[in-house]
Protein backbone atom coordinates (compact mmCIF):
# COMPACT_ATOMS: atom_id res chain seq x y z
CA MET A 1 -144.50 79.44 77.07
CA LEU A 2 -143.92 82.38 79.21
CA PRO A 3 -142.28 80.56 82.36
CA PRO A 4 -143.61 82.15 85.89
CA LYS A 5 -140.98 84.44 87.52
CA LEU A 6 -141.67 82.59 90.84
CA ILE A 7 -142.72 79.07 91.86
CA LYS A 8 -143.48 78.48 95.49
CA ILE A 9 -143.20 75.08 96.94
CA LYS A 10 -145.58 74.44 99.70
CA SER A 11 -143.99 71.19 101.43
CA ASP A 12 -140.83 73.13 102.59
CA GLY A 13 -141.39 76.73 101.91
CA ASN A 14 -138.72 77.03 99.28
CA GLU A 15 -139.05 79.42 96.25
CA LEU A 16 -137.84 79.15 92.81
CA VAL A 17 -137.17 82.07 91.06
CA PHE A 18 -136.81 82.16 87.00
CA VAL A 19 -133.37 82.60 85.79
CA GLU A 20 -133.23 82.15 82.05
CA MET A 21 -134.53 79.61 79.24
CA ILE A 22 -131.83 77.25 77.70
CA LEU A 23 -132.24 76.31 74.01
CA LYS A 24 -128.98 74.75 73.48
CA GLY A 25 -127.00 72.04 75.04
CA VAL A 26 -123.40 72.15 76.19
CA ASN A 27 -122.11 70.75 72.73
CA GLY A 28 -124.11 73.83 70.97
CA VAL A 29 -126.81 71.38 69.65
CA LYS A 30 -130.57 72.59 69.95
CA LEU A 31 -132.23 70.76 72.60
CA PRO A 32 -135.37 69.12 71.71
CA GLU A 33 -137.44 71.17 73.90
CA PRO A 34 -136.42 74.25 75.96
CA LEU A 35 -135.04 73.84 79.90
CA TYR A 36 -136.23 76.60 82.22
CA LEU A 37 -133.60 77.35 84.49
CA TYR A 38 -134.67 78.22 88.14
CA GLU A 39 -132.66 78.87 91.24
CA TYR A 40 -133.48 78.47 94.69
CA SER A 41 -133.94 81.83 96.52
CA LYS A 42 -135.38 80.82 100.07
CA SER A 43 -134.01 77.51 101.15
CA LEU A 44 -131.52 76.96 104.17
CA THR A 45 -129.89 74.17 102.38
CA LYS A 46 -130.48 74.68 98.48
CA LYS A 47 -130.14 78.89 98.45
CA GLY A 48 -128.39 79.83 95.42
CA ASN A 49 -128.62 76.12 93.55
CA LYS A 50 -129.77 75.69 90.26
CA LEU A 51 -132.77 73.71 88.86
CA SER A 52 -133.67 73.05 85.24
CA LEU A 53 -136.95 72.38 84.48
CA THR A 54 -138.92 71.19 81.29
CA GLU A 55 -142.59 72.91 80.42
CA LYS A 56 -144.47 69.77 81.64
CA GLN A 57 -142.36 69.65 84.94
CA ILE A 58 -143.22 73.26 85.62
CA ILE A 59 -147.04 72.76 84.98
CA ALA A 60 -146.98 69.59 87.29
CA LEU A 61 -145.12 71.57 89.86
CA GLN A 62 -147.59 74.41 89.78
CA LYS A 63 -150.44 72.10 89.88
CA LEU A 64 -148.88 70.28 93.17
CA ASN A 65 -148.48 73.56 94.79
CA ASN A 66 -151.82 75.38 93.61
CA ASN A 67 -149.59 77.91 92.07
CA GLU A 68 -151.56 78.31 88.94
């Protein structure tokens, strides 16, 4: 899956910007599925915070916000 570079959150006007895909955990073991790391770019309270999402979570978030 190619993750979207930007996800807009309609409910609060936040935006998530894609940072990187994570394939291994902190212990070096391969994860069962990749995690996609995003960073809040527009939030007053969360700006700079990172959020990791699975492919299913990204799809659900896009459908919820009509960002397909």
